[in-house]
Amino acid sequence: MSLNIIHSGQVITACLDGEIDHHTAAGIRNQIDQAVVENHPTMLVLDFKNVSFMDSSGIGLVMGRYKVISAEGGELAIVNTSPQIGKVMKLAGMDRLAKIGTEEILNETAK
């Protein structure tokens, strides 16, 4: 699993790449949390475009990042999920915590 964090104005995008499981989730959490706390963004975007596998640790990763960004007064968006991962996110209720969809939702939010 690799992670690329991109800062663009008040948005932090965390581009996830590989598999999210209990072995990789802790390192990802720490890096994203550090970027949020240091930069105080209004939106945190979790980009799942290159995620090939996710177990329940991925749901925990999203829930925890929701708590962190909410504490900073920001919002969470989840973009570019595969159909399978998107379905799991919605079944777990993540659509009540975050905007889930494609990158176009970010453009709508910016209006």
Protein backbone atom coordinates (compact mmCIF):
# COMPACT_ATOMS: atom_id res chain seq x y z
CA MET A 1 0.00 0.00 0.00
CA SER A 2 1.25 3.43 -0.87
CA LEU A 3 -0.19 6.84 -0.19
CA ASN A 4 0.23 10.13 -2.01
CA ILE A 5 -1.09 13.21 -0.23
CA ILE A 6 -1.86 16.23 -2.39
CA HIS A 7 -2.54 19.71 -0.98
CA SER A 8 -4.57 22.05 -3.17
CA GLY A 9 -5.85 25.15 -1.47
CA GLN A 10 -8.17 24.07 1.34
CA VAL A 11 -8.43 20.48 0.05
CA ILE A 12 -6.25 17.54 0.95
CA THR A 13 -6.52 14.52 -1.31
CA ALA A 14 -5.18 11.20 -0.08
CA CYS A 15 -4.57 8.95 -3.10
CA LEU A 16 -4.57 5.38 -1.89
CA ASP A 17 -2.83 2.67 -3.92
CA GLY A 18 -2.89 -1.07 -3.27
CA GLU A 19 -4.64 -3.10 -0.60
CA ILE A 20 -6.17 -1.75 2.59
CA ASP A 21 -6.12 -4.28 5.41
CA HIS A 22 -5.21 -4.36 9.08
CA HIS A 23 -1.50 -4.47 8.19
CA THR A 24 -1.55 -1.27 6.15
CA ALA A 25 -4.34 0.81 7.72
CA ALA A 26 -2.38 2.16 10.71
CA GLY A 27 0.36 3.74 8.62
CA ILE A 28 -2.18 5.31 6.27
CA ARG A 29 -4.20 6.68 9.19
CA ASN A 30 -1.18 8.34 10.74
CA GLN A 31 -0.05 10.04 7.53
CA ILE A 32 -3.52 11.37 6.67
CA ASP A 33 -4.19 12.55 10.22
CA GLN A 34 -0.87 14.39 10.34
CA ALA A 35 -1.65 16.19 7.06
CA VAL A 36 -5.12 17.20 8.31
CA VAL A 37 -3.93 18.45 11.69
CA GLU A 38 -1.04 20.41 10.16
CA ASN A 39 -3.03 22.01 7.32
CA HIS A 40 -6.62 22.43 8.61
CA PRO A 41 -8.36 21.73 5.28
CA THR A 42 -12.05 22.33 4.67
CA MET A 43 -12.25 19.04 2.77
CA LEU A 44 -10.46 15.72 2.94
CA VAL A 45 -10.78 13.57 -0.17
CA LEU A 46 -10.00 9.86 0.01
CA ASP A 47 -9.29 8.69 -3.55
CA PHE A 48 -9.79 4.94 -3.95
CA LYS A 49 -8.98 4.85 -7.68
CA ASN A 50 -6.03 2.47 -7.26
CA VAL A 51 -7.31 0.40 -4.32
CA SER A 52 -7.48 -3.24 -5.38
CA PHE A 53 -8.74 -4.73 -2.10
CA MET A 54 -10.27 -3.49 1.12
CA ASP A 55 -11.38 -5.40 4.20
CA SER A 56 -13.21 -3.99 7.23
CA SER A 57 -10.08 -2.02 8.12
CA GLY A 58 -10.94 0.25 5.20
CA ILE A 59 -14.29 1.11 6.78
CA GLY A 60 -12.50 1.89 10.04
CA LEU A 61 -10.01 4.02 8.12
CA VAL A 62 -12.84 6.07 6.61
CA MET A 63 -14.75 6.42 9.88
CA GLY A 64 -11.68 7.58 11.74
CA ARG A 65 -10.78 10.14 9.07
CA TYR A 66 -14.35 11.43 9.22
CA LYS A 67 -13.88 12.07 12.94
CA VAL A 68 -10.55 13.82 12.39
CA ILE A 69 -11.75 16.10 9.58
CA SER A 70 -15.00 16.85 11.42
CA ALA A 71 -13.03 17.93 14.48
CA GLU A 72 -11.20 20.39 12.20
CA GLY A 73 -14.53 21.71 10.89
CA GLY A 74 -14.14 20.10 7.48
CA GLU A 75 -15.95 17.60 5.29
CA LEU A 76 -15.04 14.18 3.90
CA ALA A 77 -15.42 12.94 0.33
CA ILE A 78 -14.75 9.44 -0.98
CA VAL A 79 -14.06 9.27 -4.71
CA ASN A 80 -13.28 6.78 -7.45
CA THR A 81 -14.33 3.63 -5.64
CA SER A 82 -14.71 0.43 -7.60
CA PRO A 83 -18.31 -0.81 -7.81
CA GLN A 84 -17.56 -3.40 -5.10
CA ILE A 85 -15.89 -0.98 -2.70
CA GLY A 86 -18.57 1.64 -3.34
CA LYS A 87 -21.26 -0.89 -2.47
CA VAL A 88 -19.47 -1.85 0.75
CA MET A 89 -19.13 1.84 1.68
CA LYS A 90 -22.85 2.44 1.18
CA LEU A 91 -23.86 -0.74 3.04
CA ALA A 92 -21.70 0.40 5.97
CA GLY A 93 -23.45 3.78 5.98
CA MET A 94 -20.46 5.80 4.86
CA ASP A 95 -22.74 7.81 2.55
CA ARG A 96 -24.21 9.41 5.69
CA LEU A 97 -20.77 10.63 6.73
CA ALA A 98 -19.21 11.53 3.41
CA LYS A 99 -19.95 12.41 -0.17
CA ILE A 100 -19.31 9.28 -2.23
CA GLY A 101 -18.86 9.36 -5.97
CA THR A 102 -16.54 10.59 -8.65
CA GLU A 103 -14.30 13.63 -8.75
CA GLU A 104 -17.25 15.64 -10.11
CA ILE A 105 -18.71 15.80 -6.59
CA LEU A 106 -15.78 17.97 -5.64
CA ASN A 107 -16.67 20.44 -8.38
CA GLU A 108 -20.27 20.55 -7.11
CA THR A 109 -19.06 21.14 -3.56
CA ALA A 110 -16.82 24.01 -4.65
CA LYS A 111 -19.79 25.97 -6.10
